[in-house]
C-alpha atoms as a PDB file:
ATOM      1  CA  MET A   1      26.369  -4.257 -33.493  1.00  0.00           C
ATOM      2  CA  LEU A   2      23.454  -2.640 -31.695  1.00  0.00           C
ATOM      3  CA  ARG A   3      20.515  -1.453 -33.711  1.00  0.00           C
ATOM      4  CA  SER A   4      18.811   1.750 -32.767  1.00  0.00           C
ATOM      5  CA  MET A   5      15.135   1.326 -32.049  1.00  0.00           C
ATOM      6  CA  ASN A   6      12.799   3.699 -33.830  1.00  0.00           C
ATOM      7  CA  VAL A   7      10.202   4.333 -31.136  1.00  0.00           C
ATOM      8  CA  ASP A   8       7.850   7.266 -31.271  1.00  0.00           C
ATOM      9  CA  PRO A   9       7.971   8.865 -27.802  1.00  0.00           C
ATOM     10  CA  ASN A  10       4.467  10.310 -28.290  1.00  0.00           C
ATOM     11  CA  GLN A  11       2.887   6.882 -28.741  1.00  0.00           C
ATOM     12  CA  PHE A  12       2.149   4.917 -25.578  1.00  0.00           C
ATOM     13  CA  PRO A  13       1.304   1.217 -25.463  1.00  0.00           C
ATOM     14  CA  PRO A  14      -2.458   0.667 -25.076  1.00  0.00           C
ATOM     15  CA  TRP A  15      -2.101  -1.228 -21.773  1.00  0.00           C
ATOM     16  CA  LEU A  16      -0.398   1.771 -20.173  1.00  0.00           C
ATOM     17  CA  GLY A  17      -3.670   3.707 -20.214  1.00  0.00           C
ATOM     18  CA  LEU A  18      -5.207   1.047 -17.954  1.00  0.00           C
ATOM     19  CA  LEU A  19      -2.155   0.352 -15.793  1.00  0.00           C
ATOM     20  CA  ILE A  20      -1.649   3.882 -14.478  1.00  0.00           C
ATOM     21  CA  PRO A  21      -5.191   4.306 -13.025  1.00  0.00           C
ATOM     22  CA  ILE A  22      -4.966   0.846 -11.442  1.00  0.00           C
ATOM     23  CA  LEU A  23      -1.647   1.739  -9.805  1.00  0.00           C
ATOM     24  CA  VAL A  24      -3.092   5.014  -8.521  1.00  0.00           C
ATOM     25  CA  LEU A  25      -6.107   3.200  -7.035  1.00  0.00           C
ATOM     26  CA  VAL A  26      -3.873   0.593  -5.355  1.00  0.00           C
ATOM     27  CA  ALA A  27      -1.662   3.364  -3.942  1.00  0.00           C
ATOM     28  CA  LEU A  28      -4.699   5.192  -2.524  1.00  0.00           C
ATOM     29  CA  TRP A  29      -6.132   1.932  -1.127  1.00  0.00           C
ATOM     30  CA  ASP A  30      -2.798   1.185   0.572  1.00  0.00           C
ATOM     31  CA  ALA A  31      -2.435   4.727   1.924  1.00  0.00           C
ATOM     32  CA  VAL A  32      -5.885   4.682   3.550  1.00  0.00           C
ATOM     33  CA  TRP A  33      -5.438   1.289   5.224  1.00  0.00           C
ATOM     34  CA  LYS A  34      -1.843   2.038   6.216  1.00  0.00           C
ATOM     35  CA  THR A  35      -2.895   5.315   7.847  1.00  0.00           C
ATOM     36  CA  ILE A  36      -5.684   3.631   9.810  1.00  0.00           C
ATOM     37  CA  GLY A  37      -3.408   0.760  10.878  1.00  0.00           C
ATOM     38  CA  LEU A  38      -0.603   3.086  11.923  1.00  0.00           C
ATOM     39  CA  TRP A  39      -2.996   5.263  13.889  1.00  0.00           C
ATOM     40  CA  LYS A  40      -4.574   2.336  15.756  1.00  0.00           C
ATOM     41  CA  SER A  41      -1.259   0.603  16.483  1.00  0.00           C
ATOM     42  CA  ALA A  42       0.225   3.847  17.803  1.00  0.00           C
ATOM     43  CA  ARG A  43      -2.820   4.485  20.004  1.00  0.00           C
ATOM     44  CA  HIS A  44      -2.511   0.966  21.457  1.00  0.00           C
ATOM     45  CA  ASN A  45       1.270   1.279  21.993  1.00  0.00           C
ATOM     46  CA  GLN A  46       2.012  -1.684  19.700  1.00  0.00           C
ATOM     47  CA  LEU A  47       5.449  -0.703  18.431  1.00  0.00           C
ATOM     48  CA  ALA A  48       6.135  -3.942  16.528  1.00  0.00           C
ATOM     49  CA  TRP A  49       2.929  -3.611  14.510  1.00  0.00           C
ATOM     50  CA  PHE A  50       3.586   0.072  13.910  1.00  0.00           C
ATOM     51  CA  ILE A  51       7.047  -0.655  12.499  1.00  0.00           C
ATOM     52  CA  CYS A  52       5.861  -3.569  10.342  1.00  0.00           C
ATOM     53  CA  ILE A  53       2.974  -1.590   8.876  1.00  0.00           C
ATOM     54  CA  ALA A  54       5.237   1.405   8.235  1.00  0.00           C
ATOM     55  CA  VAL A  55       8.039  -0.590   6.591  1.00  0.00           C
ATOM     56  CA  PHE A  56       6.314  -3.255   4.516  1.00  0.00           C
ATOM     57  CA  ASN A  57       4.243  -2.295   1.480  1.00  0.00           C
ATOM     58  CA  THR A  58       1.572  -4.963   1.148  1.00  0.00           C
ATOM     59  CA  ALA A  59      -1.160  -3.071  -0.740  1.00  0.00           C
ATOM     60  CA  GLY A  60      -3.182  -2.722   2.448  1.00  0.00           C
ATOM     61  CA  ILE A  61      -3.171  -6.415   3.385  1.00  0.00           C
ATOM     62  CA  LEU A  62      -1.014  -6.146   6.547  1.00  0.00           C
ATOM     63  CA  PRO A  63      -2.987  -3.216   8.015  1.00  0.00           C
ATOM     64  CA  ILE A  64      -6.269  -5.033   7.320  1.00  0.00           C
ATOM     65  CA  VAL A  65      -4.949  -8.164   9.073  1.00  0.00           C
ATOM     66  CA  TYR A  66      -3.892  -6.056  12.049  1.00  0.00           C
ATOM     67  CA  LEU A  67      -7.209  -4.206  12.226  1.00  0.00           C
ATOM     68  CA  ALA A  68      -9.276  -7.370  11.855  1.00  0.00           C
ATOM     69  CA  PHE A  69      -7.391  -9.796  14.097  1.00  0.00           C
ATOM     70  CA  CYS A  70      -4.626  -8.286  16.190  1.00  0.00           C
ATOM     71  CA  GLN A  71      -5.924  -5.175  17.930  1.00  0.00           C
ATOM     72  CA  ARG A  72      -6.204  -5.156  21.674  1.00  0.00           C
ATOM     73  CA  ASP A  73      -9.667  -5.138  23.109  1.00  0.00           C
ATOM     74  CA  ARG A  74     -11.069  -1.611  23.357  1.00  0.00           C
ATOM     75  CA  ASN A  75     -11.935  -2.147  27.032  1.00  0.00           C
ATOM     76  CA  GLY A  76      -8.266  -2.622  27.885  1.00  0.00           C
ATOM     77  CA  ALA A  77      -8.456  -6.380  28.516  1.00  0.00           C
END
């Protein structure tokens, strides 16, 4: 037989107060880097990078890798 849990809905676990701001910061971090990566990959006509950055959520890691190592040279070479 299942027991009903007596949980006060107005009482949050103490770790939740720290987790929510961290998640918001990670989401903002990812959004900024994703936007920059998408913009640069679109400007350089790199469709594969654009799709990968748009589809995969990597907390900003994939866009940073693209921006740091995989952009075409600005002079067109």
